[in-house]
Protein backbone atom coordinates (compact mmCIF):
# COMPACT_ATOMS: atom_id res chain seq x y z
CA MET A 1 0.00 0.00 0.00
CA VAL A 2 1.39 3.39 -0.96
CA ASP A 3 1.40 6.09 1.69
CA TRP A 4 0.74 9.36 -0.12
CA ASP A 5 3.14 11.45 1.96
CA GLU A 6 5.87 9.01 0.93
CA GLN A 7 8.48 10.38 -1.48
CA ILE A 8 10.66 8.69 -4.07
CA LYS A 9 14.29 9.37 -3.17
CA GLY A 10 16.08 7.46 -5.91
CA HIS A 11 15.39 5.50 -9.08
CA LEU A 12 18.18 3.41 -10.56
CA PHE A 13 18.06 1.74 -13.96
CA TRP A 14 19.96 -1.23 -15.38
CA VAL A 15 20.10 -2.93 -12.00
CA TRP A 16 21.11 -6.57 -11.85
CA GLY A 17 19.67 -8.03 -8.68
CA GLY A 18 18.38 -11.06 -6.93
CA GLU A 19 18.61 -13.30 -3.94
CA GLU A 20 22.05 -14.49 -2.90
CA GLY A 21 22.59 -18.23 -2.99
CA LEU A 22 23.65 -21.23 -4.97
CA PHE A 23 21.67 -21.63 -8.21
CA LYS A 24 19.99 -18.23 -7.74
CA ARG A 25 20.07 -16.27 -11.00
CA GLY A 26 19.90 -12.49 -11.06
CA LYS A 27 17.41 -10.45 -13.07
CA GLU A 28 17.41 -7.06 -14.70
CA GLY A 29 15.21 -4.43 -13.10
CA MET A 30 14.86 -0.96 -11.64
CA LEU A 31 15.60 -0.13 -8.02
CA VAL A 32 13.13 2.42 -6.68
CA VAL A 33 13.83 3.80 -3.22
CA THR A 34 11.37 5.87 -1.25
CA ASP A 35 11.82 7.30 2.22
CA ARG A 36 10.03 4.17 3.55
CA ARG A 37 10.80 1.22 1.28
CA LEU A 38 13.05 -0.39 -1.28
CA ALA A 39 11.42 -1.80 -4.43
CA PHE A 40 13.04 -3.93 -7.13
CA ILE A 41 10.84 -3.70 -10.22
CA ILE A 42 11.37 -6.42 -12.82
CA LYS A 43 8.07 -5.99 -14.68
CA THR A 44 6.94 -2.43 -15.32
CA ASP A 45 4.34 -0.47 -17.25
CA MET A 46 7.03 2.08 -18.16
CA THR A 47 7.36 2.43 -21.92
CA TYR A 48 10.54 1.27 -23.63
CA LYS A 49 11.23 4.85 -24.79
CA MET A 50 10.89 6.29 -21.26
CA HIS A 51 13.11 3.53 -19.81
CA GLU A 52 15.72 4.11 -22.52
CA THR A 53 15.70 7.88 -21.92
CA HIS A 54 16.27 7.47 -18.17
CA SER A 55 18.92 4.79 -18.73
CA ILE A 56 20.88 7.09 -21.06
CA ARG A 57 20.62 9.97 -18.55
CA GLN A 58 21.92 7.69 -15.81
CA LEU A 59 24.84 6.57 -18.00
CA LYS A 60 25.74 10.20 -18.82
CA ARG A 61 25.65 11.07 -15.10
CA PHE A 62 27.99 8.15 -14.38
CA GLU A 63 30.38 9.35 -17.07
CA ALA A 64 30.28 12.93 -15.71
CA GLY A 65 30.91 11.72 -12.15
CA GLU A 66 27.54 13.06 -10.98
CA ASN A 67 25.31 11.58 -8.30
CA ILE A 68 22.90 9.15 -9.98
CA PHE A 69 20.86 8.46 -6.84
CA ARG A 70 17.87 10.66 -7.68
CA PRO A 71 14.21 10.25 -8.65
CA ALA A 72 13.35 9.68 -12.32
CA GLU A 73 11.41 12.60 -13.77
CA GLY A 74 7.80 11.65 -14.45
CA TYR A 75 7.82 8.44 -12.36
CA THR A 76 5.44 8.94 -9.43
CA LEU A 77 4.17 6.93 -6.47
CA GLU A 78 1.15 6.06 -8.60
CA HIS A 79 3.48 4.47 -11.19
CA LEU A 80 5.26 2.58 -8.39
CA LYS A 81 1.92 1.32 -7.04
CA LYS A 82 0.91 0.05 -10.53
CA ASP A 83 4.30 -1.59 -11.07
CA LEU A 84 4.18 -3.36 -7.70
CA ALA A 85 0.72 -4.72 -8.51
CA LYS A 86 1.80 -5.83 -12.01
CA SER A 87 3.74 -8.93 -10.92
CA TYR A 88 4.64 -11.05 -7.93
CA ASP A 89 8.22 -10.99 -9.26
CA ASN A 90 8.44 -7.32 -8.23
CA LEU A 91 9.86 -7.01 -4.73
CA GLN A 92 9.04 -4.37 -2.15
CA VAL A 93 10.52 -4.28 1.32
CA PRO A 94 9.66 -1.70 3.97
CA PHE A 95 12.78 -0.37 5.70
CA ARG A 96 11.57 -1.87 9.02
CA GLN A 97 12.15 -5.35 7.48
CA ILE A 98 15.73 -4.54 6.45
CA LEU A 99 18.28 -5.88 8.90
CA ASP A 100 21.45 -4.55 7.26
CA ALA A 101 22.75 -2.95 4.07
CA VAL A 102 26.41 -2.90 3.04
CA SER A 103 28.43 -2.06 -0.04
CA GLU A 104 31.22 -4.32 -1.27
CA GLU A 105 33.93 -3.39 -3.75
CA LYS A 106 34.64 -6.20 -6.17
CA ASP A 107 37.16 -6.43 -9.02
CA TRP A 108 34.29 -6.10 -11.48
CA GLY A 109 32.29 -3.29 -9.80
CA THR A 110 30.41 -2.33 -6.65
CA LEU A 111 27.79 -4.54 -5.03
CA LEU A 112 24.99 -3.59 -2.63
CA LYS A 113 23.99 -6.39 -0.24
CA VAL A 114 20.73 -5.99 1.65
CA LYS A 115 19.78 -8.44 4.41
CA MET A 116 16.02 -8.44 4.98
CA ASN A 117 13.22 -10.36 6.62
CA ILE A 118 11.02 -11.95 3.97
CA GLY A 119 8.27 -13.98 5.59
CA TYR A 120 9.90 -15.72 8.53
CA LYS A 121 13.39 -15.91 7.02
CA ALA A 122 16.31 -13.54 6.71
CA LYS A 123 17.43 -13.37 3.07
CA VAL A 124 20.23 -11.47 1.39
CA PHE A 125 19.64 -9.72 -1.92
CA LYS A 126 22.45 -8.37 -4.11
CA PHE A 127 22.21 -5.41 -6.46
CA SER A 128 24.67 -3.86 -8.90
CA ILE A 129 24.44 -1.37 -11.76
CA VAL A 130 25.16 -2.79 -15.21
CA LYS A 131 27.46 -0.96 -17.60
CA GLY A 132 27.00 -3.20 -20.64
CA TRP A 133 25.06 -6.27 -21.76
CA VAL A 134 25.58 -9.35 -23.86
CA LYS A 135 22.29 -10.37 -25.47
CA TYR A 136 23.03 -13.79 -26.90
CA PRO A 137 22.23 -16.57 -25.99
CA VAL A 138 20.47 -14.87 -23.04
CA LYS A 139 20.69 -11.30 -21.79
CA ASP A 140 23.42 -11.10 -19.15
CA PRO A 141 25.52 -8.30 -17.71
CA LEU A 142 28.91 -7.91 -19.33
CA GLU A 143 30.36 -5.12 -17.16
CA PHE A 144 29.29 -3.34 -13.98
CA GLN A 145 29.59 0.24 -12.74
CA ARG A 146 31.45 1.42 -9.67
CA MET A 147 28.66 2.89 -7.57
CA ASP A 148 28.67 4.89 -4.37
CA TRP A 149 25.86 3.18 -2.46
CA ARG A 150 26.33 5.34 0.69
CA PRO A 151 23.32 7.65 0.11
CA LEU A 152 21.04 4.61 -0.10
CA ILE A 153 22.68 2.81 2.84
CA ASP A 154 22.49 5.98 4.97
CA LEU A 155 18.81 6.43 4.08
CA ILE A 156 18.05 2.83 5.07
CA LYS A 157 20.04 2.95 8.31
CA THR A 158 18.50 6.22 9.47
CA SER A 159 15.02 4.85 8.71
CA ILE A 160 15.25 1.46 10.48
């Protein structure tokens, strides 16, 4: 349920994410962060053109060394509500269910690990920003960005 005084704080595109574990395969999606929850949107009503426009803006901000952790213009809480209802594959986690969030530097890029209570279990989800894709035989990330996850981690830790 969307709380109407809630605000979107950041919207990241080209996110490769999923549950940590053996035989767990990541998926491409968008990470939408409000002041109350984290949402990983795999299936969206956003048009291809709008997604492409925001992805290119994010890439240009990376290249310019700018902060990319910001809301996407035109994407509102109403869009988030529709996207969350679109599929059970879309994940939303209120900050009160998040146990910990840390950033890890890897040789290939920067990883965000979020430990959260899902049901009665603590699960760890990993997220990273993709720099380039290989599309054959299946779409997979080829390279990853180096991302400063501190604004998101600070937001989570001050909210839990």
